[in-house]
Amino acid sequence: MKKNLLFIGLLLALFACNNTPKANQETTPKEPDAPVTVAKAIELISDSIAFDSTNARLYMNRAKAYFATEQIGQAMVDINKSLQLEPNNVETYLLLADVYYALGDQENIASTLNRAVEINSLDPRPLVKLAELNLLQQNFNLAIGYVDKSLQLSSYNPKAYFVKGMCYMAAKQDTANALKNFQLASEQDDSFYDPVEQISRIYAAQQPPYAMDYLRKAQQQFPDIPTARYELALYLQSHGKPEEALLHYDTLLMLRPDNYIVLFNKGYVNYVYLENNDVALDYFNQALALNPNYLDAKYNMGRVLEQMGDYSQATEIYKEVLKTQPDYKLAIDALNRVQNQETGL
């Protein structure tokens, strides 16, 4: 279920019972309780609903928990119940818009968000979500219009600046304005990774003198986000530091051993930058074992075999690539090149 465009978050508001110790109880400090799982949260909220069945906020909180575990039907039931009890709650309409987004129902997303704007025209959040929806629909000018309206209501609005940056990138390839808005989003919320990711990609493409420093800083700022490490590794491998790139790829594989893209990249670094052909073949084979249809890995395996002088096996691999994708130009060129090698032309 795609959630990244609408910036969905699980915000469970659990109301605990009064746990004040009785006068004769010992108050020796205890180990902290284990974090509450989403399933346990649903159970706790359900218990609360059993005692207070007219509390709209409880239904909304349980809907959020259901939505977080992709139980869309149950989430919708609770949202409808919450709206019956409290029909003018903007928070509930924002959640409903996220559910419609998960269902791919763009028409109902728009009507739901417009209803939220009617309820509270001073709340910038529905406007930002309307901007996100129009960005998705490639209505870029309309999206920017919604962003600007939201910023008039609140200049502290990192998501609005991020959406505006994405509009500039998608609509006009206006890197300068995109970068400006991504930087504003990042400055306003230093825990918001999405604008940092876009800045990293812009710097990597433009290759300014400080690109590598920025990518390193981004990875250090977000050590638990694999994309930050991956973007850095990509830049390192093509800018004279392939060994350091491999270290970052190793870390990524520790987190996800089945990441065939990273395995392919390790093969590519060994083949192109380090000329370790046998090692490269091993990584390409590992990538293909996880995804047999990964043509880039198959093609590059042919390139390694060709470089090693095994023209017969390289030819078979190029033919396999073309059987799957007849217009794979690199494989066409490679097959012609190998055939010329074999015929001595």
Protein backbone atom coordinates (compact mmCIF):
# COMPACT_ATOMS: atom_id res chain seq x y z
CA MET A 1 0.00 0.00 0.00
CA LYS A 2 1.53 3.30 -1.07
CA LYS A 3 1.66 5.85 1.69
CA ASN A 4 4.64 8.08 0.95
CA LEU A 5 2.83 10.77 -1.10
CA LEU A 6 0.27 11.64 1.56
CA PHE A 7 2.72 11.43 4.46
CA ILE A 8 0.65 9.03 6.55
CA GLY A 9 1.64 8.59 10.19
CA LEU A 10 0.39 6.40 13.01
CA LEU A 11 -0.57 8.71 15.88
CA LEU A 12 -2.23 6.53 18.49
CA ALA A 13 -3.65 8.47 21.43
CA LEU A 14 -4.18 5.94 24.18
CA PHE A 15 -5.76 7.13 27.38
CA ALA A 16 -4.33 5.17 30.27
CA CYS A 17 -6.23 4.42 33.43
CA ASN A 18 -5.26 6.17 36.66
CA ASN A 19 -2.21 4.23 37.85
CA THR A 20 -1.41 6.31 40.94
CA PRO A 21 0.00 3.91 43.58
CA LYS A 22 -2.08 3.31 46.71
CA ALA A 23 -0.66 4.52 50.00
CA ASN A 24 0.53 1.07 51.04
CA GLN A 25 2.02 0.11 47.69
CA GLU A 26 5.73 -0.05 47.14
CA THR A 27 6.93 2.55 44.65
CA THR A 28 10.29 1.00 43.80
CA PRO A 29 11.21 1.95 40.23
CA LYS A 30 10.46 -0.81 37.72
CA GLU A 31 11.84 -1.66 34.33
CA PRO A 32 9.93 0.25 31.62
CA ASP A 33 7.15 -1.65 29.91
CA ALA A 34 7.71 -3.01 26.42
CA PRO A 35 6.47 -0.81 23.57
CA VAL A 36 2.81 -1.29 22.75
CA THR A 37 2.31 -3.09 19.43
CA VAL A 38 -0.35 -1.95 16.98
CA ALA A 39 -2.33 -5.14 17.64
CA LYS A 40 -2.21 -4.46 21.38
CA ALA A 41 -3.20 -0.85 20.78
CA ILE A 42 -6.28 -2.02 18.87
CA GLU A 43 -7.16 -4.29 21.76
CA LEU A 44 -6.75 -1.49 24.32
CA ILE A 45 -8.80 0.98 22.28
CA SER A 46 -11.51 -1.63 21.78
CA ASP A 47 -11.67 -2.11 25.55
CA SER A 48 -12.06 1.65 25.96
CA ILE A 49 -14.83 1.73 23.34
CA ALA A 50 -16.69 -0.96 25.25
CA PHE A 51 -16.87 1.43 28.21
CA ASP A 52 -17.40 4.62 26.19
CA SER A 53 -19.12 3.80 22.91
CA THR A 54 -19.97 7.44 22.11
CA ASN A 55 -16.36 8.71 22.10
CA ALA A 56 -15.62 9.68 18.49
CA ARG A 57 -11.89 10.07 19.13
CA LEU A 58 -11.57 6.45 20.23
CA TYR A 59 -13.05 5.23 16.94
CA MET A 60 -10.71 7.51 15.01
CA ASN A 61 -7.68 6.24 16.92
CA ARG A 62 -8.65 2.64 16.30
CA ALA A 63 -9.18 3.47 12.63
CA LYS A 64 -5.59 4.77 12.50
CA ALA A 65 -4.35 1.54 14.01
CA TYR A 66 -6.37 -0.55 11.55
CA PHE A 67 -5.07 1.57 8.68
CA ALA A 68 -1.47 1.14 9.85
CA THR A 69 -1.93 -2.63 9.57
CA GLU A 70 -3.70 -2.33 6.20
CA GLN A 71 -7.05 -3.43 7.57
CA ILE A 72 -8.84 -0.98 5.33
CA GLY A 73 -12.38 -2.26 5.79
CA GLN A 74 -12.22 -2.06 9.57
CA ALA A 75 -10.61 1.39 9.35
CA MET A 76 -13.45 2.66 7.16
CA VAL A 77 -16.10 1.32 9.54
CA ASP A 78 -14.51 3.16 12.47
CA ILE A 79 -14.05 6.36 10.46
CA ASN A 80 -17.73 6.37 9.54
CA LYS A 81 -18.70 5.77 13.16
CA SER A 82 -16.42 8.59 14.30
CA LEU A 83 -17.96 10.98 11.77
CA GLN A 84 -21.47 10.03 12.89
CA LEU A 85 -20.53 11.02 16.43
CA GLU A 86 -18.40 14.04 15.54
CA PRO A 87 -19.16 15.14 11.96
CA ASN A 88 -16.93 18.24 11.92
CA ASN A 89 -13.58 16.79 12.95
CA VAL A 90 -10.90 17.74 10.41
CA GLU A 91 -8.54 15.05 11.74
CA THR A 92 -11.02 12.34 10.78
CA TYR A 93 -11.43 13.72 7.27
CA LEU A 94 -7.65 13.80 6.82
CA LEU A 95 -7.49 10.14 7.81
CA LEU A 96 -10.37 9.33 5.46
CA ALA A 97 -8.48 11.00 2.60
CA ASP A 98 -5.47 8.78 3.34
CA VAL A 99 -7.71 5.70 3.24
CA TYR A 100 -9.18 6.76 -0.11
CA TYR A 101 -5.62 7.29 -1.38
CA ALA A 102 -4.74 3.74 -0.38
CA LEU A 103 -7.80 2.57 -2.32
CA GLY A 104 -6.84 4.65 -5.36
CA ASP A 105 -10.11 6.63 -5.14
CA GLN A 106 -8.89 10.07 -6.22
CA GLU A 107 -12.35 11.55 -6.67
CA ASN A 108 -13.29 10.86 -3.06
CA ILE A 109 -9.91 12.13 -1.86
CA ALA A 110 -10.68 15.53 -3.35
CA SER A 111 -14.23 15.73 -2.00
CA THR A 112 -13.08 14.62 1.46
CA LEU A 113 -10.32 17.22 1.61
CA ASN A 114 -12.61 19.95 0.31
CA ARG A 115 -15.03 19.08 3.10
CA ALA A 116 -12.17 19.46 5.60
CA VAL A 117 -11.41 22.91 4.16
CA GLU A 118 -15.08 23.87 4.55
CA ILE A 119 -15.02 22.82 8.21
CA ASN A 120 -11.88 24.80 9.02
CA SER A 121 -10.60 27.15 6.34
CA LEU A 122 -7.70 28.16 8.60
CA ASP A 123 -6.20 24.66 8.79
CA PRO A 124 -3.38 24.37 6.21
CA ARG A 125 -3.18 20.56 6.27
CA PRO A 126 -6.08 19.78 3.91
CA LEU A 127 -4.65 22.31 1.45
CA VAL A 128 -1.26 20.58 1.50
CA LYS A 129 -2.94 17.24 0.85
CA LEU A 130 -4.91 18.77 -2.02
CA ALA A 131 -1.58 20.00 -3.39
CA GLU A 132 -0.19 16.48 -3.10
CA LEU A 133 -3.21 15.08 -4.92
CA ASN A 134 -2.82 17.57 -7.76
CA LEU A 135 0.90 16.84 -7.94
CA LEU A 136 -0.03 13.17 -8.39
CA GLN A 137 -2.49 14.16 -11.13
CA GLN A 138 0.16 16.41 -12.74
CA ASN A 139 -1.93 19.53 -12.23
CA PHE A 140 1.21 21.39 -11.21
CA ASN A 141 -0.04 24.98 -11.27
CA LEU A 142 -3.09 24.03 -9.20
CA ALA A 143 -0.85 22.13 -6.79
CA ILE A 144 1.39 25.17 -6.32
CA GLY A 145 -1.72 27.29 -5.78
CA TYR A 146 -2.84 25.06 -2.91
CA VAL A 147 0.67 25.15 -1.46
CA ASP A 148 0.75 28.93 -1.55
CA LYS A 149 -2.64 29.12 0.18
CA SER A 150 -1.41 26.81 2.92
CA LEU A 151 1.73 28.90 3.39
CA GLN A 152 -0.37 32.03 3.78
CA LEU A 153 -2.02 30.30 6.74
CA SER A 154 1.24 29.00 8.21
CA SER A 155 4.74 29.82 7.02
CA TYR A 156 6.05 26.94 9.11
CA ASN A 157 4.99 24.15 6.79
CA PRO A 158 7.83 21.84 5.72
CA LYS A 159 5.56 19.46 3.79
CA ALA A 160 4.16 22.33 1.78
CA TYR A 161 7.65 23.45 0.77
CA PHE A 162 8.52 19.86 -0.14
CA VAL A 163 5.46 19.49 -2.38
CA LYS A 164 6.24 22.82 -4.03
CA GLY A 165 9.77 21.63 -4.71
CA MET A 166 8.45 18.44 -6.29
CA CYS A 167 6.13 20.52 -8.49
CA TYR A 168 9.04 22.59 -9.77
CA MET A 169 11.02 19.43 -10.48
CA ALA A 170 8.20 17.63 -12.24
CA ALA A 171 6.62 20.53 -14.12
CA LYS A 172 9.51 22.58 -15.43
CA GLN A 173 12.68 20.80 -14.34
CA ASP A 174 13.32 24.05 -12.46
CA THR A 175 16.13 22.76 -10.28
CA ALA A 176 16.93 26.13 -8.71
CA ASN A 177 13.42 26.73 -7.35
CA ALA A 178 13.04 23.08 -6.43
CA LEU A 179 16.28 23.18 -4.45
CA LYS A 180 15.22 26.37 -2.68
CA ASN A 181 11.97 24.78 -1.49
CA PHE A 182 13.59 21.50 -0.49
CA GLN A 183 16.11 23.43 1.58
CA LEU A 184 13.33 25.38 3.31
CA ALA A 185 11.52 22.13 4.12
CA SER A 186 14.68 20.59 5.54
CA GLU A 187 15.54 23.68 7.56
CA GLN A 188 12.09 23.77 9.11
CA ASP A 189 12.12 20.08 10.04
CA ASP A 190 15.53 18.44 10.33
CA SER A 191 13.89 15.04 10.88
CA PHE A 192 12.13 15.19 7.48
CA TYR A 193 14.14 12.97 5.13
CA ASP A 194 12.26 13.39 1.83
CA PRO A 195 13.61 16.88 1.00
CA VAL A 196 17.12 15.79 2.00
CA GLU A 197 16.84 12.88 -0.42
CA GLN A 198 15.85 15.22 -3.25
CA ILE A 199 18.67 17.66 -2.43
CA SER A 200 21.11 14.75 -2.44
CA ARG A 201 19.97 13.68 -5.90
CA ILE A 202 20.20 17.20 -7.27
CA TYR A 203 23.71 17.65 -5.89
CA ALA A 204 24.77 14.23 -7.16
CA ALA A 205 23.54 15.10 -10.66
CA GLN A 206 25.07 18.57 -10.66
CA GLN A 207 28.27 17.37 -8.97
CA PRO A 208 29.07 20.59 -7.09
CA PRO A 209 32.32 20.56 -5.06
CA TYR A 210 30.44 19.92 -1.82
CA ALA A 211 28.18 17.14 -3.15
CA MET A 212 30.06 14.34 -1.42
CA ASP A 213 30.17 16.25 1.87
CA TYR A 214 26.42 16.82 1.71
CA LEU A 215 25.72 13.15 0.95
CA ARG A 216 27.92 12.07 3.86
CA LYS A 217 26.15 14.51 6.17
CA ALA A 218 22.75 13.27 5.00
CA GLN A 219 23.71 9.67 5.71
CA GLN A 220 25.00 10.59 9.17
CA GLN A 221 21.85 12.60 9.86
CA PHE A 222 19.61 9.69 8.85
CA PRO A 223 21.62 6.55 9.69
CA ASP A 224 18.52 4.35 9.86
CA ILE A 225 17.19 5.28 6.41
CA PRO A 226 18.69 2.92 3.80
CA THR A 227 18.11 5.34 0.92
CA ALA A 228 20.47 7.90 2.49
CA ARG A 229 23.28 5.33 2.61
CA TYR A 230 22.45 4.08 -0.88
CA GLU A 231 22.60 7.56 -2.43
CA LEU A 232 25.99 8.10 -0.80
CA ALA A 233 27.31 4.75 -2.01
CA LEU A 234 26.20 5.47 -5.58
CA TYR A 235 28.08 8.74 -5.55
CA LEU A 236 31.18 7.26 -3.97
CA GLN A 237 31.49 4.44 -6.51
CA SER A 238 31.58 6.84 -9.46
CA HIS A 239 33.77 9.46 -7.81
CA GLY A 240 36.95 7.58 -7.02
CA LYS A 241 35.98 5.79 -3.81
CA PRO A 242 34.68 2.35 -4.88
CA GLU A 243 36.04 0.56 -1.80
CA GLU A 244 34.14 2.91 0.51
CA ALA A 245 31.02 2.41 -1.61
CA LEU A 246 31.33 -1.35 -1.09
CA LEU A 247 31.42 -0.86 2.68
CA HIS A 248 28.13 0.99 2.55
CA TYR A 249 26.63 -1.68 0.30
CA ASP A 250 27.74 -4.31 2.83
CA THR A 251 25.89 -2.44 5.56
CA LEU A 252 22.77 -2.31 3.42
CA LEU A 253 22.99 -6.05 2.79
CA MET A 254 23.24 -6.70 6.52
CA LEU A 255 19.84 -5.00 6.81
CA ARG A 256 18.37 -6.61 3.68
CA PRO A 257 20.31 -9.64 2.40
CA ASP A 258 17.71 -10.08 -0.36
CA ASN A 259 18.33 -6.65 -1.89
CA TYR A 260 19.24 -7.69 -5.42
CA ILE A 261 19.82 -4.08 -6.52
CA VAL A 262 22.61 -3.70 -3.96
CA LEU A 263 24.07 -7.07 -4.96
CA PHE A 264 24.06 -5.90 -8.58
CA ASN A 265 25.80 -2.66 -7.57
CA LYS A 266 28.50 -4.62 -5.76
CA GLY A 267 29.00 -6.64 -8.93
CA TYR A 268 29.14 -3.48 -11.02
CA VAL A 269 31.72 -1.84 -8.74
CA ASN A 270 33.91 -4.92 -8.86
CA TYR A 271 33.59 -5.20 -12.64
CA VAL A 272 33.91 -1.55 -13.73
CA TYR A 273 36.05 0.07 -11.04
CA LEU A 274 38.07 -2.72 -9.42
CA GLU A 275 38.32 -5.17 -12.36
CA ASN A 276 37.57 -8.14 -10.11
CA ASN A 277 35.77 -10.18 -12.76
CA ASP A 278 35.25 -13.39 -10.78
CA VAL A 279 33.86 -11.46 -7.80
CA ALA A 280 31.61 -9.44 -10.12
CA LEU A 281 30.20 -12.62 -11.69
CA ASP A 282 29.38 -14.00 -8.26
CA TYR A 283 27.40 -10.90 -7.30
CA PHE A 284 25.54 -10.79 -10.62
CA ASN A 285 24.63 -14.44 -10.10
CA GLN A 286 23.36 -13.67 -6.60
CA ALA A 287 21.24 -10.83 -7.93
CA LEU A 288 19.78 -13.06 -10.63
CA ALA A 289 19.05 -15.81 -8.14
CA LEU A 290 16.83 -13.35 -6.30
CA ASN A 291 15.35 -11.82 -9.46
CA PRO A 292 15.85 -13.92 -12.62
CA ASN A 293 14.25 -11.16 -14.72
CA TYR A 294 16.75 -8.50 -13.73
CA LEU A 295 18.12 -7.88 -17.21
CA ASP A 296 20.78 -5.37 -16.20
CA ALA A 297 22.44 -8.04 -14.07
CA LYS A 298 22.20 -10.57 -16.87
CA TYR A 299 23.60 -8.16 -19.46
CA ASN A 300 26.52 -7.19 -17.24
CA MET A 301 27.26 -10.84 -16.58
CA GLY A 302 27.63 -11.17 -20.36
CA ARG A 303 29.96 -8.16 -20.38
CA VAL A 304 32.20 -9.75 -17.76
CA LEU A 305 32.32 -13.06 -19.63
CA GLU A 306 33.09 -11.19 -22.84
CA GLN A 307 35.93 -9.36 -21.13
CA MET A 308 37.25 -12.70 -19.86
CA GLY A 309 37.25 -14.03 -23.43
CA ASP A 310 34.36 -16.46 -23.02
CA TYR A 311 32.55 -15.29 -26.13
CA SER A 312 30.37 -18.36 -26.47
CA GLN A 313 28.76 -18.01 -23.04
CA ALA A 314 28.54 -14.23 -23.38
CA THR A 315 26.67 -14.71 -26.67
CA GLU A 316 24.14 -17.01 -25.01
CA ILE A 317 23.53 -14.51 -22.25
CA TYR A 318 23.03 -11.61 -24.67
CA LYS A 319 20.54 -13.76 -26.59
CA GLU A 320 18.65 -14.48 -23.36
CA VAL A 321 18.44 -10.76 -22.67
CA LEU A 322 17.10 -10.07 -26.16
CA LYS A 323 14.62 -12.91 -25.93
CA THR A 324 13.06 -11.13 -22.94
CA GLN A 325 13.51 -7.58 -24.29
CA PRO A 326 14.22 -7.49 -28.04
CA ASP A 327 14.96 -3.73 -28.03
CA TYR A 328 17.65 -3.88 -25.31
CA LYS A 329 20.15 -1.84 -27.35
CA LEU A 330 23.24 -2.58 -25.25
CA ALA A 331 22.67 -6.30 -25.70
CA ILE A 332 22.14 -5.86 -29.46
CA ASP A 333 25.42 -3.96 -29.76
CA ALA A 334 27.21 -6.49 -27.56
CA LEU A 335 25.94 -9.44 -29.59
CA ASN A 336 27.14 -7.83 -32.83
CA ARG A 337 30.49 -7.04 -31.22
CA VAL A 338 31.01 -10.60 -29.98
CA GLN A 339 30.03 -12.12 -33.31
CA ASN A 340 32.58 -9.88 -35.01
CA GLN A 341 35.20 -11.02 -32.47
CA GLU A 342 34.46 -14.65 -33.23
CA THR A 343 34.61 -14.15 -36.98
CA GLY A 344 37.75 -12.07 -36.71
CA LEU A 345 36.20 -8.97 -38.25
